Amino acid sequence: MTKDLKFLISIVKKAAKLITPNFQVKAKGENGDLVTNFDYEIEQFLIAKIKKQYPNFQIVSEEFNNQEKMSENCFTIDPIDGTINFANGLPLWGIQVACVRNGQTCAAVIFLPTLKELYYADETGAYLNGKPIHVNNTDFNNALIMSEVSLSLKQKVNHVRSVYSTAVSFPWVACGKLGIFILPKVKPWDCIAG
């Protein structure tokens, strides 16, 4: 396990401990999106830890640095991916952070605290709670597909679901629970860790 990955695992686990049952929710923009105080608190915590350890790295994150551009050496942060799920008591949400070094993702962590699933990856492979994981080889017609595109896809494929959290969908493909994940528009903090 690389130094970068050990660092990410440590700060993401600590960030998850900031979450309590008491939180505030408010509208974010005009499209029905939500944000909680923990989105802000977790992101601030992660940014502070990263800046201290990696002062020369850029940070691209959902709440405070969403106008920043990806660079050769940067981190991406989504403090609570699946905030609407989180705010409504669904356990399908997670914290995701990735480190990009010399233009390549070198370490990534996705933690689903409610499900107690810690996914992480570096050049040695991808892991769930310390055990190696692999995608499945299910035939497309039989694969379980997670899609965040129009549900008209359901007319053509039998097994389509939507959970609206890349922090859930990407690692579930990586460990073989899902066969395919379709995501229409992506922001760096939504997809780099996955």
N, C-alpha and C. Protein backbone atom coordinates (compact mmCIF):
# COMPACT_ATOMS: atom_id res chain seq x y z
N MET A 1 0.85 -1.18 0.00
CA MET A 1 0.00 0.00 0.00
C MET A 1 0.90 1.24 0.00
N THR A 2 0.60 2.17 -0.90
CA THR A 2 1.43 3.37 -1.02
C THR A 2 1.18 4.35 0.13
N LYS A 3 2.13 5.27 0.30
CA LYS A 3 2.01 6.32 1.30
C LYS A 3 0.77 7.18 1.03
N ASP A 4 0.53 7.50 -0.25
CA ASP A 4 -0.64 8.31 -0.61
C ASP A 4 -1.93 7.61 -0.19
N LEU A 5 -2.01 6.32 -0.44
CA LEU A 5 -3.23 5.59 -0.11
C LEU A 5 -3.41 5.48 1.41
N LYS A 6 -2.36 5.22 2.14
CA LYS A 6 -2.46 5.17 3.61
C LYS A 6 -2.99 6.49 4.15
N PHE A 7 -2.47 7.60 3.61
CA PHE A 7 -2.91 8.92 4.04
C PHE A 7 -4.41 9.11 3.76
N LEU A 8 -4.85 8.76 2.56
CA LEU A 8 -6.27 8.93 2.20
C LEU A 8 -7.18 8.08 3.09
N ILE A 9 -6.81 6.84 3.31
CA ILE A 9 -7.63 5.97 4.17
C ILE A 9 -7.76 6.59 5.56
N SER A 10 -6.66 7.07 6.09
CA SER A 10 -6.67 7.65 7.43
C SER A 10 -7.59 8.87 7.52
N ILE A 11 -7.47 9.80 6.57
CA ILE A 11 -8.27 11.03 6.69
C ILE A 11 -9.75 10.78 6.37
N VAL A 12 -10.03 9.85 5.48
CA VAL A 12 -11.43 9.57 5.16
C VAL A 12 -12.13 8.91 6.35
N LYS A 13 -11.45 7.98 7.01
CA LYS A 13 -12.04 7.36 8.21
C LYS A 13 -12.30 8.40 9.30
N LYS A 14 -11.35 9.31 9.48
CA LYS A 14 -11.53 10.37 10.48
C LYS A 14 -12.66 11.31 10.09
N ALA A 15 -12.77 11.62 8.81
CA ALA A 15 -13.84 12.50 8.34
C ALA A 15 -15.22 11.90 8.60
N ALA A 16 -15.33 10.60 8.43
CA ALA A 16 -16.62 9.93 8.64
C ALA A 16 -17.07 10.05 10.09
N LYS A 17 -16.13 10.17 11.01
CA LYS A 17 -16.48 10.29 12.43
C LYS A 17 -17.09 11.65 12.77
N LEU A 18 -17.00 12.60 11.85
CA LEU A 18 -17.62 13.91 12.08
C LEU A 18 -19.14 13.85 11.98
N ILE A 19 -19.66 12.81 11.34
CA ILE A 19 -21.10 12.70 11.09
C ILE A 19 -21.84 12.25 12.34
N THR A 20 -22.89 12.96 12.66
CA THR A 20 -23.76 12.62 13.78
C THR A 20 -25.20 12.54 13.26
N PRO A 21 -26.13 12.03 14.06
CA PRO A 21 -27.52 11.97 13.61
C PRO A 21 -28.16 13.35 13.44
N ASN A 22 -27.58 14.37 14.03
CA ASN A 22 -28.15 15.71 13.95
C ASN A 22 -27.47 16.49 12.83
N PHE A 23 -28.23 16.86 11.81
CA PHE A 23 -27.66 17.63 10.71
C PHE A 23 -28.72 18.57 10.14
N GLN A 24 -28.23 19.59 9.45
CA GLN A 24 -29.11 20.55 8.78
C GLN A 24 -29.04 20.32 7.28
N VAL A 25 -30.18 20.45 6.63
CA VAL A 25 -30.29 20.27 5.18
C VAL A 25 -30.84 21.55 4.58
N LYS A 26 -30.29 21.94 3.43
CA LYS A 26 -30.88 23.06 2.71
C LYS A 26 -30.76 22.82 1.21
N ALA A 27 -31.55 23.56 0.46
CA ALA A 27 -31.53 23.45 -1.00
C ALA A 27 -30.20 23.97 -1.53
N LYS A 28 -29.74 23.33 -2.60
CA LYS A 28 -28.50 23.75 -3.25
C LYS A 28 -28.85 24.03 -4.70
N GLY A 29 -28.95 25.29 -5.05
CA GLY A 29 -29.34 25.65 -6.40
C GLY A 29 -30.83 25.49 -6.60
N GLU A 30 -31.23 25.48 -7.86
CA GLU A 30 -32.66 25.43 -8.19
C GLU A 30 -33.11 24.10 -8.79
N ASN A 31 -32.22 23.12 -8.84
CA ASN A 31 -32.57 21.85 -9.51
C ASN A 31 -32.99 20.75 -8.54
N GLY A 32 -33.29 21.10 -7.28
CA GLY A 32 -33.74 20.10 -6.32
C GLY A 32 -32.61 19.42 -5.57
N ASP A 33 -31.38 19.84 -5.83
CA ASP A 33 -30.24 19.25 -5.13
C ASP A 33 -30.22 19.74 -3.68
N LEU A 34 -29.62 18.96 -2.80
CA LEU A 34 -29.53 19.30 -1.38
C LEU A 34 -28.08 19.34 -0.94
N VAL A 35 -27.85 20.05 0.16
CA VAL A 35 -26.55 20.07 0.80
C VAL A 35 -26.79 20.06 2.31
N THR A 36 -25.88 19.44 3.05
CA THR A 36 -25.99 19.41 4.51
C THR A 36 -24.77 20.10 5.11
N ASN A 37 -24.86 20.39 6.39
CA ASN A 37 -23.70 20.96 7.08
C ASN A 37 -22.52 20.00 7.04
N PHE A 38 -22.79 18.68 6.96
CA PHE A 38 -21.67 17.73 6.93
C PHE A 38 -20.95 17.74 5.58
N ASP A 39 -21.65 18.08 4.49
CA ASP A 39 -20.95 18.26 3.21
C ASP A 39 -19.84 19.30 3.39
N TYR A 40 -20.19 20.41 4.03
CA TYR A 40 -19.22 21.49 4.24
C TYR A 40 -18.15 21.12 5.27
N GLU A 41 -18.57 20.56 6.39
CA GLU A 41 -17.62 20.25 7.47
C GLU A 41 -16.62 19.17 7.05
N ILE A 42 -17.10 18.14 6.40
CA ILE A 42 -16.20 17.07 5.96
C ILE A 42 -15.23 17.59 4.90
N GLU A 43 -15.75 18.37 3.95
CA GLU A 43 -14.86 18.89 2.92
C GLU A 43 -13.80 19.81 3.52
N GLN A 44 -14.18 20.69 4.44
CA GLN A 44 -13.20 21.57 5.10
C GLN A 44 -12.15 20.75 5.85
N PHE A 45 -12.58 19.71 6.54
CA PHE A 45 -11.66 18.85 7.27
C PHE A 45 -10.66 18.20 6.30
N LEU A 46 -11.16 17.63 5.21
CA LEU A 46 -10.29 16.95 4.24
C LEU A 46 -9.33 17.94 3.57
N ILE A 47 -9.83 19.11 3.20
CA ILE A 47 -8.97 20.12 2.57
C ILE A 47 -7.83 20.51 3.51
N ALA A 48 -8.14 20.74 4.78
CA ALA A 48 -7.11 21.13 5.75
C ALA A 48 -6.04 20.06 5.88
N LYS A 49 -6.47 18.79 5.97
CA LYS A 49 -5.50 17.68 6.11
C LYS A 49 -4.64 17.56 4.85
N ILE A 50 -5.26 17.67 3.68
CA ILE A 50 -4.51 17.55 2.42
C ILE A 50 -3.53 18.70 2.26
N LYS A 51 -3.97 19.92 2.52
CA LYS A 51 -3.08 21.08 2.36
C LYS A 51 -1.87 21.00 3.28
N LYS A 52 -2.07 20.46 4.46
CA LYS A 52 -0.95 20.33 5.41
C LYS A 52 0.08 19.32 4.90
N GLN A 53 -0.40 18.19 4.37
CA GLN A 53 0.49 17.11 3.92
C GLN A 53 1.00 17.31 2.49
N TYR A 54 0.20 17.96 1.64
CA TYR A 54 0.53 18.13 0.22
C TYR A 54 0.32 19.60 -0.17
N PRO A 55 1.15 20.50 0.32
CA PRO A 55 0.92 21.93 0.09
C PRO A 55 0.98 22.37 -1.37
N ASN A 56 1.64 21.61 -2.22
CA ASN A 56 1.79 22.00 -3.63
C ASN A 56 0.77 21.35 -4.56
N PHE A 57 -0.19 20.61 -4.00
CA PHE A 57 -1.20 19.95 -4.81
C PHE A 57 -2.46 20.82 -4.90
N GLN A 58 -3.07 20.84 -6.06
CA GLN A 58 -4.35 21.51 -6.28
C GLN A 58 -5.45 20.67 -5.63
N ILE A 59 -6.56 21.27 -5.25
CA ILE A 59 -7.71 20.53 -4.73
C ILE A 59 -8.94 20.92 -5.54
N VAL A 60 -9.59 19.90 -6.11
CA VAL A 60 -10.83 20.09 -6.87
C VAL A 60 -11.91 19.38 -6.06
N SER A 61 -12.89 20.15 -5.58
CA SER A 61 -13.89 19.57 -4.70
C SER A 61 -15.26 20.16 -4.97
N GLU A 62 -16.29 19.44 -4.53
CA GLU A 62 -17.66 19.81 -4.88
C GLU A 62 -18.13 21.11 -4.25
N GLU A 63 -17.86 21.34 -2.99
CA GLU A 63 -18.48 22.48 -2.32
C GLU A 63 -17.65 23.76 -2.37
N PHE A 64 -16.33 23.67 -2.19
CA PHE A 64 -15.52 24.88 -2.08
C PHE A 64 -14.59 25.13 -3.25
N ASN A 65 -14.25 24.12 -4.00
CA ASN A 65 -13.28 24.28 -5.09
C ASN A 65 -13.83 23.74 -6.41
N ASN A 66 -15.12 23.93 -6.65
CA ASN A 66 -15.73 23.33 -7.84
C ASN A 66 -15.43 24.08 -9.14
N GLN A 67 -14.79 25.22 -9.06
CA GLN A 67 -14.37 25.94 -10.27
C GLN A 67 -12.91 25.66 -10.63
N GLU A 68 -12.22 24.96 -9.75
CA GLU A 68 -10.81 24.63 -10.01
C GLU A 68 -10.72 23.60 -11.13
N LYS A 69 -9.66 23.67 -11.88
CA LYS A 69 -9.41 22.73 -12.97
C LYS A 69 -8.48 21.62 -12.49
N MET A 70 -8.66 20.45 -13.05
CA MET A 70 -7.75 19.35 -12.75
C MET A 70 -6.34 19.73 -13.20
N SER A 71 -5.35 19.31 -12.42
CA SER A 71 -3.96 19.56 -12.77
C SER A 71 -3.18 18.25 -12.68
N GLU A 72 -1.91 18.32 -13.01
CA GLU A 72 -1.05 17.13 -12.99
C GLU A 72 -0.96 16.52 -11.59
N ASN A 73 -1.01 17.38 -10.57
CA ASN A 73 -0.91 16.93 -9.19
C ASN A 73 -2.05 17.57 -8.39
N CYS A 74 -3.05 16.77 -8.09
CA CYS A 74 -4.22 17.32 -7.40
C CYS A 74 -4.97 16.23 -6.65
N PHE A 75 -5.92 16.67 -5.86
CA PHE A 75 -6.83 15.78 -5.16
C PHE A 75 -8.25 16.14 -5.59
N THR A 76 -9.12 15.15 -5.63
CA THR A 76 -10.55 15.40 -5.83
C THR A 76 -11.27 14.94 -4.56
N ILE A 77 -12.29 15.71 -4.18
CA ILE A 77 -13.04 15.40 -2.96
C ILE A 77 -14.53 15.54 -3.23
N ASP A 78 -15.28 14.52 -2.85
CA ASP A 78 -16.73 14.63 -2.75
C ASP A 78 -17.06 14.23 -1.31
N PRO A 79 -17.40 15.21 -0.47
CA PRO A 79 -17.53 14.93 0.96
C PRO A 79 -18.69 14.01 1.32
N ILE A 80 -19.81 14.19 0.66
CA ILE A 80 -20.93 13.24 0.79
C ILE A 80 -21.53 13.10 -0.60
N ASP A 81 -21.19 12.03 -1.26
CA ASP A 81 -21.78 11.76 -2.57
C ASP A 81 -23.05 10.97 -2.33
N GLY A 82 -24.16 11.50 -2.81
CA GLY A 82 -25.46 10.91 -2.50
C GLY A 82 -26.11 11.65 -1.35
N THR A 83 -25.94 12.96 -1.33
CA THR A 83 -26.47 13.77 -0.22
C THR A 83 -27.98 13.62 -0.07
N ILE A 84 -28.71 13.52 -1.16
CA ILE A 84 -30.16 13.36 -1.06
C ILE A 84 -30.49 12.04 -0.36
N ASN A 85 -29.77 10.99 -0.69
CA ASN A 85 -29.94 9.71 0.01
C ASN A 85 -29.63 9.88 1.50
N PHE A 86 -28.48 10.50 1.79
CA PHE A 86 -28.06 10.72 3.17
C PHE A 86 -29.12 11.50 3.95
N ALA A 87 -29.60 12.59 3.36
CA ALA A 87 -30.57 13.46 4.04
C ALA A 87 -31.89 12.76 4.30
N ASN A 88 -32.20 11.74 3.51
CA ASN A 88 -33.46 11.02 3.67
C ASN A 88 -33.29 9.67 4.38
N GLY A 89 -32.14 9.43 4.95
CA GLY A 89 -31.93 8.22 5.74
C GLY A 89 -31.63 6.97 4.95
N LEU A 90 -31.37 7.09 3.64
CA LEU A 90 -30.96 5.92 2.85
C LEU A 90 -29.46 5.71 3.04
N PRO A 91 -29.01 4.48 3.22
CA PRO A 91 -27.59 4.24 3.49
C PRO A 91 -26.70 4.28 2.25
N LEU A 92 -27.23 4.68 1.12
CA LEU A 92 -26.49 4.63 -0.14
C LEU A 92 -25.84 5.98 -0.44
N TRP A 93 -24.76 6.25 0.28
CA TRP A 93 -23.98 7.48 0.11
C TRP A 93 -22.56 7.19 0.59
N GLY A 94 -21.64 8.07 0.22
CA GLY A 94 -20.27 7.84 0.65
C GLY A 94 -19.39 9.05 0.53
N ILE A 95 -18.21 8.92 1.11
CA ILE A 95 -17.17 9.93 1.03
C ILE A 95 -16.14 9.42 0.02
N GLN A 96 -15.74 10.27 -0.93
CA GLN A 96 -14.75 9.81 -1.90
C GLN A 96 -13.66 10.86 -2.13
N VAL A 97 -12.42 10.37 -2.14
CA VAL A 97 -11.25 11.22 -2.32
C VAL A 97 -10.26 10.47 -3.21
N ALA A 98 -9.62 11.21 -4.11
CA ALA A 98 -8.60 10.60 -4.97
C ALA A 98 -7.39 11.52 -5.05
N CYS A 99 -6.24 10.91 -5.24
CA CYS A 99 -4.98 11.64 -5.45
C CYS A 99 -4.51 11.39 -6.88
N VAL A 100 -4.25 12.48 -7.58
CA VAL A 100 -3.71 12.41 -8.94
C VAL A 100 -2.28 12.95 -8.87
N ARG A 101 -1.35 12.12 -9.31
CA ARG A 101 0.07 12.49 -9.29
C ARG A 101 0.62 12.30 -10.70
N ASN A 102 1.27 13.32 -11.22
CA ASN A 102 1.83 13.29 -12.58
C ASN A 102 0.77 12.90 -13.61
N GLY A 103 -0.45 13.40 -13.40
CA GLY A 103 -1.53 13.18 -14.36
C GLY A 103 -2.23 11.84 -14.25
N GLN A 104 -1.84 10.99 -13.32
CA GLN A 104 -2.44 9.67 -13.16
C GLN A 104 -3.04 9.53 -11.77
N THR A 105 -4.22 8.92 -11.69
CA THR A 105 -4.80 8.63 -10.38
C THR A 105 -3.93 7.56 -9.73
N CYS A 106 -3.32 7.91 -8.60
CA CYS A 106 -2.40 6.97 -7.95
C CYS A 106 -2.98 6.36 -6.68
N ALA A 107 -4.04 6.98 -6.14
CA ALA A 107 -4.67 6.44 -4.93
C ALA A 107 -6.09 6.97 -4.86
N ALA A 108 -7.00 6.11 -4.43
CA ALA A 108 -8.41 6.51 -4.33
C ALA A 108 -9.07 5.75 -3.18
N VAL A 109 -9.96 6.46 -2.48
CA VAL A 109 -10.70 5.86 -1.38
C VAL A 109 -12.16 6.26 -1.50
N ILE A 110 -13.04 5.28 -1.38
CA ILE A 110 -14.47 5.52 -1.28
C ILE A 110 -14.95 4.77 -0.04
N PHE A 111 -15.55 5.50 0.88
CA PHE A 111 -16.02 4.91 2.13
C PHE A 111 -17.53 5.08 2.23
N LEU A 112 -18.22 3.96 2.39
CA LEU A 112 -19.66 3.94 2.59
C LEU A 112 -19.87 3.63 4.07
N PRO A 113 -19.85 4.65 4.94
CA PRO A 113 -19.85 4.40 6.39
C PRO A 113 -21.03 3.60 6.90
N THR A 114 -22.23 3.89 6.40
CA THR A 114 -23.41 3.20 6.90
C THR A 114 -23.36 1.71 6.57
N LEU A 115 -22.79 1.38 5.42
CA LEU A 115 -22.68 -0.02 5.00
C LEU A 115 -21.38 -0.67 5.49
N LYS A 116 -20.51 0.13 6.10
CA LYS A 116 -19.20 -0.35 6.59
C LYS A 116 -18.37 -0.95 5.45
N GLU A 117 -18.41 -0.28 4.30
CA GLU A 117 -17.64 -0.72 3.14
C GLU A 117 -16.58 0.33 2.83
N LEU A 118 -15.31 -0.06 2.97
CA LEU A 118 -14.19 0.81 2.65
C LEU A 118 -13.51 0.27 1.40
N TYR A 119 -13.68 1.00 0.31
CA TYR A 119 -13.06 0.65 -0.97
C TYR A 119 -11.83 1.52 -1.16
N TYR A 120 -10.76 0.90 -1.63
CA TYR A 120 -9.58 1.70 -1.94
C TYR A 120 -8.79 1.02 -3.04
N ALA A 121 -7.97 1.84 -3.72
CA ALA A 121 -7.19 1.32 -4.85
C ALA A 121 -5.91 2.13 -5.01
N ASP A 122 -4.89 1.43 -5.46
CA ASP A 122 -3.64 2.04 -5.91
C ASP A 122 -3.09 1.13 -6.99
N GLU A 123 -1.80 1.26 -7.31
CA GLU A 123 -1.27 0.44 -8.42
C GLU A 123 -1.26 -1.05 -8.12
N THR A 124 -1.45 -1.44 -6.85
CA THR A 124 -1.46 -2.86 -6.51
C THR A 124 -2.81 -3.52 -6.76
N GLY A 125 -3.85 -2.72 -6.96
CA GLY A 125 -5.18 -3.27 -7.21
C GLY A 125 -6.26 -2.53 -6.44
N ALA A 126 -7.45 -3.11 -6.45
CA ALA A 126 -8.61 -2.53 -5.77
C ALA A 126 -9.04 -3.47 -4.66
N TYR A 127 -9.50 -2.88 -3.54
CA TYR A 127 -9.81 -3.66 -2.35
C TYR A 127 -11.10 -3.19 -1.68
N LEU A 128 -11.77 -4.11 -1.03
CA LEU A 128 -12.92 -3.81 -0.18
C LEU A 128 -12.60 -4.36 1.20
N ASN A 129 -12.52 -3.48 2.18
CA ASN A 129 -12.20 -3.88 3.56
C ASN A 129 -10.99 -4.81 3.64
N GLY A 130 -9.98 -4.50 2.82
CA GLY A 130 -8.72 -5.24 2.86
C GLY A 130 -8.63 -6.45 1.95
N LYS A 131 -9.73 -6.82 1.29
CA LYS A 131 -9.70 -7.99 0.41
C LYS A 131 -9.76 -7.55 -1.05
N PRO A 132 -8.97 -8.19 -1.93
CA PRO A 132 -8.98 -7.81 -3.34
C PRO A 132 -10.37 -7.99 -3.97
N ILE A 133 -10.71 -7.08 -4.86
CA ILE A 133 -12.00 -7.16 -5.57
C ILE A 133 -11.77 -7.15 -7.07
N HIS A 134 -12.78 -7.63 -7.81
CA HIS A 134 -12.70 -7.72 -9.26
C HIS A 134 -14.09 -7.52 -9.85
N VAL A 135 -14.12 -7.00 -11.07
CA VAL A 135 -15.39 -6.86 -11.78
C VAL A 135 -15.91 -8.24 -12.13
N ASN A 136 -17.21 -8.34 -12.41
CA ASN A 136 -17.77 -9.64 -12.80
C ASN A 136 -17.76 -9.79 -14.32
N ASN A 137 -17.99 -10.99 -14.79
CA ASN A 137 -17.98 -11.28 -16.23
C ASN A 137 -19.37 -11.63 -16.74
N THR A 138 -20.40 -11.12 -16.08
CA THR A 138 -21.76 -11.43 -16.47
C THR A 138 -22.06 -10.90 -17.87
N ASP A 139 -22.77 -11.69 -18.64
CA ASP A 139 -23.20 -11.27 -19.97
C ASP A 139 -24.08 -10.01 -19.85
N PHE A 140 -23.94 -9.09 -20.81
CA PHE A 140 -24.68 -7.82 -20.78
C PHE A 140 -26.17 -8.03 -20.56
N ASN A 141 -26.76 -8.99 -21.21
CA ASN A 141 -28.21 -9.22 -21.10
C ASN A 141 -28.64 -9.66 -19.71
N ASN A 142 -27.72 -10.19 -18.94
CA ASN A 142 -28.04 -10.65 -17.58
C ASN A 142 -27.45 -9.75 -16.49
N ALA A 143 -26.67 -8.74 -16.89
CA ALA A 143 -25.99 -7.89 -15.93
C ALA A 143 -26.96 -6.94 -15.23
N LEU A 144 -26.67 -6.67 -13.98
CA LEU A 144 -27.40 -5.64 -13.26
C LEU A 144 -26.73 -4.32 -13.61
N ILE A 145 -27.52 -3.38 -14.12
CA ILE A 145 -27.01 -2.11 -14.61
C ILE A 145 -27.49 -0.99 -13.71
N MET A 146 -26.56 -0.15 -13.28
CA MET A 146 -26.91 1.06 -12.55
C MET A 146 -26.81 2.19 -13.55
N SER A 147 -27.87 2.98 -13.66
CA SER A 147 -27.88 4.06 -14.64
C SER A 147 -28.44 5.32 -14.04
N GLU A 148 -27.78 6.43 -14.35
CA GLU A 148 -28.29 7.72 -13.92
C GLU A 148 -28.70 8.53 -15.15
N VAL A 149 -28.98 7.83 -16.24
CA VAL A 149 -29.53 8.47 -17.43
C VAL A 149 -31.02 8.20 -17.48
N SER A 150 -31.65 8.68 -18.50
CA SER A 150 -33.09 8.54 -18.64
C SER A 150 -33.54 7.09 -18.45
N LEU A 151 -34.62 6.94 -17.76
CA LEU A 151 -35.13 5.59 -17.49
C LEU A 151 -35.72 4.94 -18.74
N SER A 152 -35.67 5.63 -19.90
CA SER A 152 -36.10 4.98 -21.14
C SER A 152 -35.20 3.80 -21.45
N LEU A 153 -34.02 3.76 -20.84
CA LEU A 153 -33.13 2.61 -21.00
C LEU A 153 -33.81 1.34 -20.49
N LYS A 154 -34.70 1.49 -19.52
CA LYS A 154 -35.40 0.32 -18.97
C LYS A 154 -36.23 -0.40 -20.02
N GLN A 155 -36.63 0.27 -21.06
CA GLN A 155 -37.42 -0.36 -22.10
C GLN A 155 -36.58 -1.33 -22.92
N LYS A 156 -35.26 -1.15 -22.91
CA LYS A 156 -34.38 -1.99 -23.72
C LYS A 156 -33.63 -3.04 -22.92
N VAL A 157 -33.45 -2.79 -21.63
CA VAL A 157 -32.67 -3.68 -20.78
C VAL A 157 -33.49 -4.01 -19.54
N ASN A 158 -33.44 -5.26 -19.12
CA ASN A 158 -34.29 -5.71 -18.02
C ASN A 158 -33.86 -5.29 -16.63
N HIS A 159 -32.58 -5.18 -16.40
CA HIS A 159 -32.08 -5.07 -15.04
C HIS A 159 -31.42 -3.71 -14.77
N VAL A 160 -32.19 -2.64 -14.84
CA VAL A 160 -31.65 -1.29 -14.64
C VAL A 160 -32.13 -0.74 -13.31
N ARG A 161 -31.21 -0.18 -12.54
CA ARG A 161 -31.53 0.44 -11.27
C ARG A 161 -30.90 1.83 -11.23
N SER A 162 -31.40 2.68 -10.35
CA SER A 162 -30.81 4.00 -10.12
C SER A 162 -30.68 4.21 -8.62
N VAL A 163 -29.50 4.67 -8.21
CA VAL A 163 -29.28 4.93 -6.78
C VAL A 163 -28.81 6.37 -6.56
N TYR A 164 -28.34 7.01 -7.61
CA TYR A 164 -27.90 8.40 -7.58
C TYR A 164 -26.79 8.67 -6.58
N SER A 165 -25.78 7.81 -6.65
CA SER A 165 -24.55 8.02 -5.89
C SER A 165 -23.42 7.30 -6.61
N THR A 166 -22.50 8.06 -7.18
CA THR A 166 -21.35 7.43 -7.83
C THR A 166 -20.46 6.74 -6.80
N ALA A 167 -20.50 7.22 -5.56
CA ALA A 167 -19.71 6.59 -4.49
C ALA A 167 -20.19 5.18 -4.19
N VAL A 168 -21.41 4.88 -4.56
CA VAL A 168 -21.95 3.53 -4.41
C VAL A 168 -21.77 2.75 -5.72
N SER A 169 -22.14 3.36 -6.82
CA SER A 169 -22.18 2.65 -8.10
C SER A 169 -20.81 2.22 -8.61
N PHE A 170 -19.83 3.12 -8.61
CA PHE A 170 -18.51 2.75 -9.12
C PHE A 170 -17.88 1.59 -8.35
N PRO A 171 -17.82 1.64 -7.01
CA PRO A 171 -17.20 0.51 -6.32
C PRO A 171 -18.01 -0.78 -6.43
N TRP A 172 -19.32 -0.66 -6.60
CA TRP A 172 -20.11 -1.87 -6.76
C TRP A 172 -19.84 -2.53 -8.11
N VAL A 173 -19.46 -1.76 -9.12
CA VAL A 173 -18.99 -2.37 -10.37
C VAL A 173 -17.63 -3.02 -10.12
N ALA A 174 -16.76 -2.31 -9.41
CA ALA A 174 -15.40 -2.81 -9.16
C ALA A 174 -15.39 -4.14 -8.40
N CYS A 175 -16.39 -4.35 -7.52
CA CYS A 175 -16.39 -5.60 -6.74
C CYS A 175 -17.36 -6.64 -7.32
N GLY A 176 -17.98 -6.34 -8.46
CA GLY A 176 -18.80 -7.34 -9.14
C GLY A 176 -20.26 -7.37 -8.76
N LYS A 177 -20.72 -6.47 -7.87
CA LYS A 177 -22.14 -6.44 -7.52
C LYS A 177 -22.98 -5.94 -8.69
N LEU A 178 -22.40 -5.04 -9.47
CA LEU A 178 -23.05 -4.51 -10.67
C LEU A 178 -22.22 -4.89 -11.88
N GLY A 179 -22.88 -5.01 -13.02
CA GLY A 179 -22.15 -5.29 -14.25
C GLY A 179 -21.73 -4.03 -14.97
N ILE A 180 -22.58 -2.99 -14.91
CA ILE A 180 -22.34 -1.77 -15.68
C ILE A 180 -22.88 -0.58 -14.89
N PHE A 181 -22.21 0.56 -15.03
CA PHE A 181 -22.70 1.81 -14.47
C PHE A 181 -22.66 2.86 -15.57
N ILE A 182 -23.79 3.49 -15.84
CA ILE A 182 -23.89 4.50 -16.89
C ILE A 182 -24.14 5.85 -16.22
N LEU A 183 -23.25 6.80 -16.49
CA LEU A 183 -23.32 8.13 -15.90
C LEU A 183 -23.23 9.16 -17.02
N PRO A 184 -24.23 10.02 -17.17
CA PRO A 184 -24.25 10.93 -18.32
C PRO A 184 -23.25 12.09 -18.23
N LYS A 185 -23.32 12.88 -17.18
CA LYS A 185 -22.43 14.02 -17.01
C LYS A 185 -21.61 13.79 -15.76
N VAL A 186 -20.35 14.10 -15.84
CA VAL A 186 -19.51 13.86 -14.67
C VAL A 186 -18.69 15.09 -14.32
N LYS A 187 -18.51 15.26 -13.05
CA LYS A 187 -17.59 16.24 -12.50
C LYS A 187 -16.42 15.43 -11.94
N PRO A 188 -15.24 16.00 -11.86
CA PRO A 188 -14.08 15.22 -11.38
C PRO A 188 -14.32 14.55 -10.02
N TRP A 189 -14.96 15.25 -9.10
CA TRP A 189 -15.17 14.67 -7.76
C TRP A 189 -16.16 13.52 -7.79
N ASP A 190 -16.96 13.41 -8.86
CA ASP A 190 -17.91 12.30 -9.00
C ASP A 190 -17.26 11.03 -9.52
N CYS A 191 -16.20 11.17 -10.32
CA CYS A 191 -15.72 9.98 -11.04
C CYS A 191 -14.26 9.60 -10.82
N ILE A 192 -13.39 10.51 -10.43
CA ILE A 192 -11.97 10.18 -10.34
C ILE A 192 -11.70 9.06 -9.34
N ALA A 193 -12.27 9.14 -8.15
CA ALA A 193 -12.05 8.08 -7.16
C ALA A 193 -12.60 6.74 -7.64
N GLY A 194 -13.72 6.77 -8.32
CA GLY A 194 -14.33 5.54 -8.83
C GLY A 194 -13.54 4.94 -9.97
